[in-house]
């Protein structure tokens, strides 16, 4: 798990981190909000073999509770990180 982020219902929450593929360029970063059922892909066309890819993900939680975001890197040959990183987002009721 990457960690826990706190937010408020109805207000944008931003999660950030980095992806790497140890010697291979990261072709994309994928995000899932349904425990890996579906993935949204964001291509990283300018990534280099020896660089991390910094990413941010912003969403607006509709209600209070705990949300989990999965994040994984994808290499140029289509291999995805076997163990995605997890981010917990604890959302308080709107004030």
PDB file of N, CA and C in Angstrom:
ATOM      1  N   UNK A   1       0.842  -1.170   0.000  1.00  0.00           N
ATOM      2  CA  UNK A   1       0.000   0.000   0.000  1.00  0.00           C
ATOM      3  C   UNK A   1       0.889   1.236   0.000  1.00  0.00           C
ATOM      4  N   UNK A   2       0.534   2.211  -0.818  1.00  0.00           N
ATOM      5  CA  UNK A   2       1.280   3.468  -0.872  1.00  0.00           C
ATOM      6  C   UNK A   2       1.042   4.265   0.402  1.00  0.00           C
ATOM      7  N   UNK A   3      -0.192   4.334   0.835  1.00  0.00           N
ATOM      8  CA  UNK A   3      -0.511   5.105   2.030  1.00  0.00           C
ATOM      9  C   UNK A   3      -1.968   5.504   2.017  1.00  0.00           C
ATOM     10  N   UNK A   4      -2.308   6.390   2.938  1.00  0.00           N
ATOM     11  CA  UNK A   4      -3.682   6.865   3.058  1.00  0.00           C
ATOM     12  C   UNK A   4      -3.722   8.360   2.798  1.00  0.00           C
ATOM     13  N   UNK A   5      -4.693   8.767   1.998  1.00  0.00           N
ATOM     14  CA  UNK A   5      -4.931  10.169   1.689  1.00  0.00           C
ATOM     15  C   UNK A   5      -6.277  10.524   2.287  1.00  0.00           C
ATOM     16  N   UNK A   6      -6.418  11.735   2.780  1.00  0.00           N
ATOM     17  CA  UNK A   6      -7.688  12.171   3.368  1.00  0.00           C
ATOM     18  C   UNK A   6      -8.342  13.209   2.466  1.00  0.00           C
ATOM     19  N   UNK A   7      -9.668  13.174   2.435  1.00  0.00           N
ATOM     20  CA  UNK A   7     -10.408  14.123   1.614  1.00  0.00           C
ATOM     21  C   UNK A   7     -11.770  14.402   2.209  1.00  0.00           C
ATOM     22  N   UNK A   8     -12.547  15.164   1.462  1.00  0.00           N
ATOM     23  CA  UNK A   8     -13.891  15.539   1.891  1.00  0.00           C
ATOM     24  C   UNK A   8     -14.860  15.265   0.738  1.00  0.00           C
ATOM     25  N   UNK A   9     -16.031  14.721   1.056  1.00  0.00           N
ATOM     26  CA  UNK A   9     -17.029  14.391   0.038  1.00  0.00           C
ATOM     27  C   UNK A   9     -17.373  15.629  -0.790  1.00  0.00           C
ATOM     28  N   UNK A  10     -17.453  15.437  -2.104  1.00  0.00           N
ATOM     29  CA  UNK A  10     -17.815  16.521  -3.000  1.00  0.00           C
ATOM     30  C   UNK A  10     -16.682  17.461  -3.363  1.00  0.00           C
ATOM     31  N   UNK A  11     -15.488  17.209  -2.851  1.00  0.00           N
ATOM     32  CA  UNK A  11     -14.329  18.061  -3.152  1.00  0.00           C
ATOM     33  C   UNK A  11     -13.240  17.209  -3.806  1.00  0.00           C
ATOM     34  N   UNK A  12     -12.530  17.771  -4.788  1.00  0.00           N
ATOM     35  CA  UNK A  12     -11.486  16.999  -5.468  1.00  0.00           C
ATOM     36  C   UNK A  12     -10.395  16.517  -4.509  1.00  0.00           C
ATOM     37  N   UNK A  13      -9.957  15.289  -4.720  1.00  0.00           N
ATOM     38  CA  UNK A  13      -8.859  14.689  -3.962  1.00  0.00           C
ATOM     39  C   UNK A  13      -7.793  14.291  -4.986  1.00  0.00           C
ATOM     40  N   UNK A  14      -6.549  14.650  -4.725  1.00  0.00           N
ATOM     41  CA  UNK A  14      -5.453  14.310  -5.625  1.00  0.00           C
ATOM     42  C   UNK A  14      -4.507  13.335  -4.937  1.00  0.00           C
ATOM     43  N   UNK A  15      -4.201  12.255  -5.649  1.00  0.00           N
ATOM     44  CA  UNK A  15      -3.248  11.246  -5.192  1.00  0.00           C
ATOM     45  C   UNK A  15      -2.075  11.318  -6.165  1.00  0.00           C
ATOM     46  N   UNK A  16      -0.853  11.199  -5.657  1.00  0.00           N
ATOM     47  CA  UNK A  16       0.301  11.252  -6.556  1.00  0.00           C
ATOM     48  C   UNK A  16       1.353  10.230  -6.164  1.00  0.00           C
ATOM     49  N   UNK A  17       2.167   9.868  -7.129  1.00  0.00           N
ATOM     50  CA  UNK A  17       3.235   8.905  -6.890  1.00  0.00           C
ATOM     51  C   UNK A  17       4.115   8.803  -8.111  1.00  0.00           C
ATOM     52  N   UNK A  18       4.847   7.710  -8.223  1.00  0.00           N
ATOM     53  CA  UNK A  18       5.684   7.489  -9.398  1.00  0.00           C
ATOM     54  C   UNK A  18       5.670   6.010  -9.762  1.00  0.00           C
ATOM     55  N   UNK A  19       5.962   5.750 -11.038  1.00  0.00           N
ATOM     56  CA  UNK A  19       6.035   4.379 -11.544  1.00  0.00           C
ATOM     57  C   UNK A  19       7.410   4.171 -12.157  1.00  0.00           C
ATOM     58  N   UNK A  20       7.908   2.945 -12.071  1.00  0.00           N
ATOM     59  CA  UNK A  20       9.180   2.599 -12.703  1.00  0.00           C
ATOM     60  C   UNK A  20       9.136   1.144 -13.148  1.00  0.00           C
ATOM     61  N   UNK A  21       9.976   0.823 -14.138  1.00  0.00           N
ATOM     62  CA  UNK A  21      10.040  -0.550 -14.634  1.00  0.00           C
ATOM     63  C   UNK A  21      11.482  -1.045 -14.712  1.00  0.00           C
ATOM     64  N   UNK A  22      12.352  -0.494 -13.885  1.00  0.00           N
ATOM     65  CA  UNK A  22      13.726  -0.968 -13.703  1.00  0.00           C
ATOM     66  C   UNK A  22      14.424  -1.361 -15.003  1.00  0.00           C
ATOM     67  N   UNK A  23      14.826  -0.361 -15.775  1.00  0.00           N
ATOM     68  CA  UNK A  23      15.587  -0.602 -16.992  1.00  0.00           C
ATOM     69  C   UNK A  23      14.776  -0.621 -18.268  1.00  0.00           C
ATOM     70  N   UNK A  24      13.468  -0.522 -18.166  1.00  0.00           N
ATOM     71  CA  UNK A  24      12.603  -0.481 -19.333  1.00  0.00           C
ATOM     72  C   UNK A  24      11.720   0.754 -19.222  1.00  0.00           C
ATOM     73  N   UNK A  25      11.368   1.370 -20.353  1.00  0.00           N
ATOM     74  CA  UNK A  25      10.498   2.543 -20.257  1.00  0.00           C
ATOM     75  C   UNK A  25       9.083   2.147 -19.832  1.00  0.00           C
ATOM     76  N   UNK A  26       8.469   2.986 -19.032  1.00  0.00           N
ATOM     77  CA  UNK A  26       7.069   2.800 -18.639  1.00  0.00           C
ATOM     78  C   UNK A  26       6.222   3.379 -19.769  1.00  0.00           C
ATOM     79  N   UNK A  27       5.476   2.537 -20.461  1.00  0.00           N
ATOM     80  CA  UNK A  27       4.667   2.975 -21.597  1.00  0.00           C
ATOM     81  C   UNK A  27       3.347   3.582 -21.161  1.00  0.00           C
ATOM     82  N   UNK A  28       2.858   3.176 -19.970  1.00  0.00           N
ATOM     83  CA  UNK A  28       1.573   3.679 -19.485  1.00  0.00           C
ATOM     84  C   UNK A  28       1.475   3.455 -17.981  1.00  0.00           C
ATOM     85  N   UNK A  29       0.594   4.216 -17.372  1.00  0.00           N
ATOM     86  CA  UNK A  29       0.223   4.007 -15.975  1.00  0.00           C
ATOM     87  C   UNK A  29      -1.277   3.746 -15.982  1.00  0.00           C
ATOM     88  N   UNK A  30      -1.715   2.726 -15.244  1.00  0.00           N
ATOM     89  CA  UNK A  30      -3.133   2.364 -15.200  1.00  0.00           C
ATOM     90  C   UNK A  30      -3.674   2.544 -13.792  1.00  0.00           C
ATOM     91  N   UNK A  31      -4.953   2.947 -13.725  1.00  0.00           N
ATOM     92  CA  UNK A  31      -5.641   3.175 -12.459  1.00  0.00           C
ATOM     93  C   UNK A  31      -6.935   2.366 -12.438  1.00  0.00           C
ATOM     94  N   UNK A  32      -7.266   1.806 -11.276  1.00  0.00           N
ATOM     95  CA  UNK A  32      -8.520   1.075 -11.100  1.00  0.00           C
ATOM     96  C   UNK A  32      -9.178   1.519  -9.802  1.00  0.00           C
ATOM     97  N   UNK A  33     -10.468   1.793  -9.885  1.00  0.00           N
ATOM     98  CA  UNK A  33     -11.249   2.169  -8.696  1.00  0.00           C
ATOM     99  C   UNK A  33     -12.213   1.060  -8.295  1.00  0.00           C
ATOM    100  N   UNK A  34     -12.135  -0.101  -8.973  1.00  0.00           N
ATOM    101  CA  UNK A  34     -13.043  -1.208  -8.659  1.00  0.00           C
ATOM    102  C   UNK A  34     -12.271  -2.497  -8.376  1.00  0.00           C
ATOM    103  N   UNK A  35     -11.176  -2.372  -7.638  1.00  0.00           N
ATOM    104  CA  UNK A  35     -10.350  -3.502  -7.210  1.00  0.00           C
ATOM    105  C   UNK A  35      -9.798  -4.317  -8.380  1.00  0.00           C
ATOM    106  N   UNK A  36      -9.466  -3.641  -9.465  1.00  0.00           N
ATOM    107  CA  UNK A  36      -8.856  -4.312 -10.608  1.00  0.00           C
ATOM    108  C   UNK A  36      -9.831  -4.864 -11.621  1.00  0.00           C
ATOM    109  N   UNK A  37     -11.127  -4.618 -11.438  1.00  0.00           N
ATOM    110  CA  UNK A  37     -12.121  -5.092 -12.400  1.00  0.00           C
ATOM    111  C   UNK A  37     -11.954  -4.431 -13.759  1.00  0.00           C
ATOM    112  N   UNK A  38     -11.701  -3.135 -13.744  1.00  0.00           N
ATOM    113  CA  UNK A  38     -11.434  -2.376 -14.962  1.00  0.00           C
ATOM    114  C   UNK A  38     -10.257  -1.447 -14.695  1.00  0.00           C
ATOM    115  N   UNK A  39      -9.547  -1.108 -15.752  1.00  0.00           N
ATOM    116  CA  UNK A  39      -8.373  -0.239 -15.645  1.00  0.00           C
ATOM    117  C   UNK A  39      -8.496   0.895 -16.645  1.00  0.00           C
ATOM    118  N   UNK A  40      -8.146   2.099 -16.220  1.00  0.00           N
ATOM    119  CA  UNK A  40      -8.070   3.255 -17.105  1.00  0.00           C
ATOM    120  C   UNK A  40      -6.592   3.499 -17.392  1.00  0.00           C
ATOM    121  N   UNK A  41      -6.241   3.582 -18.667  1.00  0.00           N
ATOM    122  CA  UNK A  41      -4.847   3.687 -19.085  1.00  0.00           C
ATOM    123  C   UNK A  41      -4.503   5.112 -19.502  1.00  0.00           C
ATOM    124  N   UNK A  42      -3.371   5.585 -19.002  1.00  0.00           N
ATOM    125  CA  UNK A  42      -2.810   6.875 -19.415  1.00  0.00           C
ATOM    126  C   UNK A  42      -1.424   6.598 -19.982  1.00  0.00           C
ATOM    127  N   UNK A  43      -1.271   6.837 -21.298  1.00  0.00           N
ATOM    128  CA  UNK A  43       0.008   6.594 -21.960  1.00  0.00           C
ATOM    129  C   UNK A  43       1.070   7.581 -21.484  1.00  0.00           C
ATOM    130  N   UNK A  44       2.325   7.143 -21.498  1.00  0.00           N
ATOM    131  CA  UNK A  44       3.465   7.984 -21.122  1.00  0.00           C
ATOM    132  C   UNK A  44       4.476   7.929 -22.266  1.00  0.00           C
ATOM    133  N   UNK A  45       4.193   8.624 -23.382  1.00  0.00           N
ATOM    134  CA  UNK A  45       4.992   8.464 -24.592  1.00  0.00           C
ATOM    135  C   UNK A  45       6.441   8.944 -24.492  1.00  0.00           C
ATOM    136  N   UNK A  46       6.767   9.823 -23.573  1.00  0.00           N
ATOM    137  CA  UNK A  46       8.124  10.368 -23.499  1.00  0.00           C
ATOM    138  C   UNK A  46       8.973   9.729 -22.409  1.00  0.00           C
ATOM    139  N   UNK A  47       8.549   8.597 -21.878  1.00  0.00           N
ATOM    140  CA  UNK A  47       9.297   7.944 -20.794  1.00  0.00           C
ATOM    141  C   UNK A  47      10.604   7.354 -21.326  1.00  0.00           C
ATOM    142  N   UNK A  48      11.624   7.367 -20.482  1.00  0.00           N
ATOM    143  CA  UNK A  48      12.933   6.805 -20.834  1.00  0.00           C
ATOM    144  C   UNK A  48      13.219   5.592 -19.954  1.00  0.00           C
ATOM    145  N   UNK A  49      14.161   4.757 -20.392  1.00  0.00           N
ATOM    146  CA  UNK A  49      14.505   3.529 -19.660  1.00  0.00           C
ATOM    147  C   UNK A  49      14.925   3.785 -18.218  1.00  0.00           C
ATOM    148  N   UNK A  50      15.612   4.882 -18.008  1.00  0.00           N
ATOM    149  CA  UNK A  50      16.223   5.124 -16.699  1.00  0.00           C
ATOM    150  C   UNK A  50      15.489   6.162 -15.852  1.00  0.00           C
ATOM    151  N   UNK A  51      14.234   6.428 -16.166  1.00  0.00           N
ATOM    152  CA  UNK A  51      13.509   7.463 -15.431  1.00  0.00           C
ATOM    153  C   UNK A  51      12.213   6.930 -14.842  1.00  0.00           C
ATOM    154  N   UNK A  52      11.871   7.496 -13.691  1.00  0.00           N
ATOM    155  CA  UNK A  52      10.554   7.248 -13.112  1.00  0.00           C
ATOM    156  C   UNK A  52       9.530   8.074 -13.873  1.00  0.00           C
ATOM    157  N   UNK A  53       8.289   7.645 -13.836  1.00  0.00           N
ATOM    158  CA  UNK A  53       7.186   8.419 -14.388  1.00  0.00           C
ATOM    159  C   UNK A  53       6.366   8.913 -13.207  1.00  0.00           C
ATOM    160  N   UNK A  54       6.341  10.222 -13.019  1.00  0.00           N
ATOM    161  CA  UNK A  54       5.519  10.806 -11.960  1.00  0.00           C
ATOM    162  C   UNK A  54       4.083  10.886 -12.448  1.00  0.00           C
ATOM    163  N   UNK A  55       3.141  10.578 -11.567  1.00  0.00           N
ATOM    164  CA  UNK A  55       1.735  10.611 -11.948  1.00  0.00           C
ATOM    165  C   UNK A  55       0.913  11.293 -10.864  1.00  0.00           C
ATOM    166  N   UNK A  56      -0.233  11.821 -11.277  1.00  0.00           N
ATOM    167  CA  UNK A  56      -1.233  12.333 -10.339  1.00  0.00           C
ATOM    168  C   UNK A  56      -2.590  11.823 -10.808  1.00  0.00           C
ATOM    169  N   UNK A  57      -3.467  11.609  -9.872  1.00  0.00           N
ATOM    170  CA  UNK A  57      -4.822  11.144 -10.167  1.00  0.00           C
ATOM    171  C   UNK A  57      -5.762  11.960  -9.291  1.00  0.00           C
ATOM    172  N   UNK A  58      -6.688  12.685  -9.912  1.00  0.00           N
ATOM    173  CA  UNK A  58      -7.631  13.516  -9.167  1.00  0.00           C
ATOM    174  C   UNK A  58      -9.041  13.006  -9.417  1.00  0.00           C
ATOM    175  N   UNK A  59      -9.798  12.838  -8.345  1.00  0.00           N
ATOM    176  CA  UNK A  59     -11.207  12.467  -8.477  1.00  0.00           C
ATOM    177  C   UNK A  59     -11.997  13.170  -7.382  1.00  0.00           C
ATOM    178  N   UNK A  60     -13.309  13.246  -7.582  1.00  0.00           N
ATOM    179  CA  UNK A  60     -14.189  13.878  -6.600  1.00  0.00           C
ATOM    180  C   UNK A  60     -15.085  12.801  -6.011  1.00  0.00           C
ATOM    181  N   UNK A  61     -14.825  12.397  -4.764  1.00  0.00           N
ATOM    182  CA  UNK A  61     -15.655  11.361  -4.142  1.00  0.00           C
ATOM    183  C   UNK A  61     -17.059  11.905  -3.867  1.00  0.00           C
ATOM    184  N   UNK A  62     -18.096  11.181  -4.262  1.00  0.00           N
ATOM    185  CA  UNK A  62     -19.459  11.679  -4.094  1.00  0.00           C
ATOM    186  C   UNK A  62     -19.967  11.640  -2.652  1.00  0.00           C
ATOM    187  N   UNK A  63     -19.393  10.758  -1.834  1.00  0.00           N
ATOM    188  CA  UNK A  63     -19.877  10.634  -0.447  1.00  0.00           C
ATOM    189  C   UNK A  63     -18.726  10.202   0.456  1.00  0.00           C
ATOM    190  N   UNK A  64     -18.964  10.274   1.739  1.00  0.00           N
ATOM    191  CA  UNK A  64     -17.928   9.895   2.704  1.00  0.00           C
ATOM    192  C   UNK A  64     -17.730   8.379   2.702  1.00  0.00           C
ATOM    193  N   UNK A  65     -16.592   7.955   3.223  1.00  0.00           N
ATOM    194  CA  UNK A  65     -16.266   6.533   3.297  1.00  0.00           C
ATOM    195  C   UNK A  65     -14.832   6.306   2.876  1.00  0.00           C
ATOM    196  N   UNK A  66     -14.475   5.054   2.699  1.00  0.00           N
ATOM    197  CA  UNK A  66     -13.117   4.701   2.267  1.00  0.00           C
ATOM    198  C   UNK A  66     -13.170   4.234   0.820  1.00  0.00           C
ATOM    199  N   UNK A  67     -12.279   4.783   0.035  1.00  0.00           N
ATOM    200  CA  UNK A  67     -12.118   4.404  -1.362  1.00  0.00           C
ATOM    201  C   UNK A  67     -10.729   3.806  -1.512  1.00  0.00           C
ATOM    202  N   UNK A  68     -10.580   2.858  -2.447  1.00  0.00           N
ATOM    203  CA  UNK A  68      -9.260   2.303  -2.737  1.00  0.00           C
ATOM    204  C   UNK A  68      -8.956   2.472  -4.210  1.00  0.00           C
ATOM    205  N   UNK A  69      -7.771   2.948  -4.475  1.00  0.00           N
ATOM    206  CA  UNK A  69      -7.288   3.135  -5.828  1.00  0.00           C
ATOM    207  C   UNK A  69      -6.122   2.179  -6.037  1.00  0.00           C
ATOM    208  N   UNK A  70      -6.144   1.429  -7.143  1.00  0.00           N
ATOM    209  CA  UNK A  70      -5.013   0.579  -7.521  1.00  0.00           C
ATOM    210  C   UNK A  70      -4.264   1.272  -8.653  1.00  0.00           C
ATOM    211  N   UNK A  71      -2.940   1.186  -8.615  1.00  0.00           N
ATOM    212  CA  UNK A  71      -2.095   1.822  -9.630  1.00  0.00           C
ATOM    213  C   UNK A  71      -1.053   0.806 -10.079  1.00  0.00           C
ATOM    214  N   UNK A  72      -0.820   0.731 -11.399  1.00  0.00           N
ATOM    215  CA  UNK A  72       0.226  -0.154 -11.898  1.00  0.00           C
ATOM    216  C   UNK A  72       0.873   0.450 -13.143  1.00  0.00           C
ATOM    217  N   UNK A  73       2.119   0.063 -13.368  1.00  0.00           N
ATOM    218  CA  UNK A  73       2.860   0.480 -14.555  1.00  0.00           C
ATOM    219  C   UNK A  73       2.712  -0.584 -15.637  1.00  0.00           C
ATOM    220  N   UNK A  74       2.793  -0.150 -16.890  1.00  0.00           N
ATOM    221  CA  UNK A  74       2.742  -1.063 -18.030  1.00  0.00           C
ATOM    222  C   UNK A  74       3.957  -0.774 -18.914  1.00  0.00           C
ATOM    223  N   UNK A  75       4.694  -1.822 -19.270  1.00  0.00           N
ATOM    224  CA  UNK A  75       5.887  -1.663 -20.108  1.00  0.00           C
ATOM    225  C   UNK A  75       5.494  -1.589 -21.585  1.00  0.00           C
ATOM    226  N   UNK A  76       6.462  -1.243 -22.425  1.00  0.00           N
ATOM    227  CA  UNK A  76       6.210  -1.107 -23.859  1.00  0.00           C
ATOM    228  C   UNK A  76       5.721  -2.408 -24.494  1.00  0.00           C
ATOM    229  N   UNK A  77       6.101  -3.557 -23.925  1.00  0.00           N
ATOM    230  CA  UNK A  77       5.636  -4.831 -24.485  1.00  0.00           C
ATOM    231  C   UNK A  77       4.329  -5.316 -23.844  1.00  0.00           C
ATOM    232  N   UNK A  78       3.670  -4.445 -23.083  1.00  0.00           N
ATOM    233  CA  UNK A  78       2.351  -4.762 -22.539  1.00  0.00           C
ATOM    234  C   UNK A  78       2.328  -5.450 -21.193  1.00  0.00           C
ATOM    235  N   UNK A  79       3.493  -5.666 -20.581  1.00  0.00           N
ATOM    236  CA  UNK A  79       3.523  -6.309 -19.262  1.00  0.00           C
ATOM    237  C   UNK A  79       3.107  -5.307 -18.188  1.00  0.00           C
ATOM    238  N   UNK A  80       2.144  -5.688 -17.381  1.00  0.00           N
ATOM    239  CA  UNK A  80       1.687  -4.839 -16.273  1.00  0.00           C
ATOM    240  C   UNK A  80       2.340  -5.294 -14.975  1.00  0.00           C
ATOM    241  N   UNK A  81       2.531  -4.369 -14.073  1.00  0.00           N
ATOM    242  CA  UNK A  81       3.060  -4.686 -12.754  1.00  0.00           C
ATOM    243  C   UNK A  81       2.216  -5.805 -12.153  1.00  0.00           C
ATOM    244  N   UNK A  82       2.822  -6.924 -11.727  1.00  0.00           N
ATOM    245  CA  UNK A  82       2.027  -8.038 -11.207  1.00  0.00           C
ATOM    246  C   UNK A  82       1.315  -7.708  -9.893  1.00  0.00           C
ATOM    247  N   UNK A  83       1.877  -6.838  -9.102  1.00  0.00           N
ATOM    248  CA  UNK A  83       1.288  -6.466  -7.814  1.00  0.00           C
ATOM    249  C   UNK A  83       1.044  -4.956  -7.823  1.00  0.00           C
ATOM    250  N   UNK A  84      -0.171  -4.509  -8.155  1.00  0.00           N
ATOM    251  CA  UNK A  84      -0.410  -3.066  -8.194  1.00  0.00           C
ATOM    252  C   UNK A  84      -0.286  -2.438  -6.808  1.00  0.00           C
ATOM    253  N   UNK A  85       0.062  -1.161  -6.798  1.00  0.00           N
ATOM    254  CA  UNK A  85       0.116  -0.404  -5.544  1.00  0.00           C
ATOM    255  C   UNK A  85      -1.304  -0.009  -5.152  1.00  0.00           C
ATOM    256  N   UNK A  86      -1.568   0.022  -3.855  1.00  0.00           N
ATOM    257  CA  UNK A  86      -2.884   0.413  -3.343  1.00  0.00           C
ATOM    258  C   UNK A  86      -2.773   1.729  -2.595  1.00  0.00           C
ATOM    259  N   UNK A  87      -3.761   2.581  -2.825  1.00  0.00           N
ATOM    260  CA  UNK A  87      -3.862   3.845  -2.103  1.00  0.00           C
ATOM    261  C   UNK A  87      -5.244   3.886  -1.470  1.00  0.00           C
ATOM    262  N   UNK A  88      -5.298   4.097  -0.169  1.00  0.00           N
ATOM    263  CA  UNK A  88      -6.582   4.259   0.519  1.00  0.00           C
ATOM    264  C   UNK A  88      -6.904   5.748   0.572  1.00  0.00           C
ATOM    265  N   UNK A  89      -8.158   6.091   0.312  1.00  0.00           N
ATOM    266  CA  UNK A  89      -8.610   7.475   0.407  1.00  0.00           C
ATOM    267  C   UNK A  89      -9.756   7.503   1.412  1.00  0.00           C
ATOM    268  N   UNK A  90      -9.501   8.101   2.573  1.00  0.00           N
ATOM    269  CA  UNK A  90     -10.525   8.243   3.610  1.00  0.00           C
ATOM    270  C   UNK A  90     -11.220   9.581   3.416  1.00  0.00           C
ATOM    271  N   UNK A  91     -12.526   9.520   3.179  1.00  0.00           N
ATOM    272  CA  UNK A  91     -13.288  10.713   2.833  1.00  0.00           C
ATOM    273  C   UNK A  91     -14.269  11.045   3.951  1.00  0.00           C
ATOM    274  N   UNK A  92     -14.158  12.265   4.464  1.00  0.00           N
ATOM    275  CA  UNK A  92     -15.047  12.757   5.521  1.00  0.00           C
ATOM    276  C   UNK A  92     -16.315  13.331   4.886  1.00  0.00           C
ATOM    277  N   UNK A  93     -17.407  13.424   5.659  1.00  0.00           N
ATOM    278  CA  UNK A  93     -18.621  14.056   5.139  1.00  0.00           C
ATOM    279  C   UNK A  93     -18.347  15.511   4.758  1.00  0.00           C
ATOM    280  N   UNK A  94     -19.119  16.013   3.798  1.00  0.00           N
ATOM    281  CA  UNK A  94     -18.989  17.417   3.396  1.00  0.00           C
ATOM    282  C   UNK A  94     -19.345  18.322   4.568  1.00  0.00           C
ATOM    283  N   UNK A  95     -18.633  19.428   4.655  1.00  0.00           N
ATOM    284  CA  UNK A  95     -18.917  20.385   5.743  1.00  0.00           C
ATOM    285  C   UNK A  95     -19.946  21.385   5.343  1.00  0.00           C
TER     286      UNK A  95
END
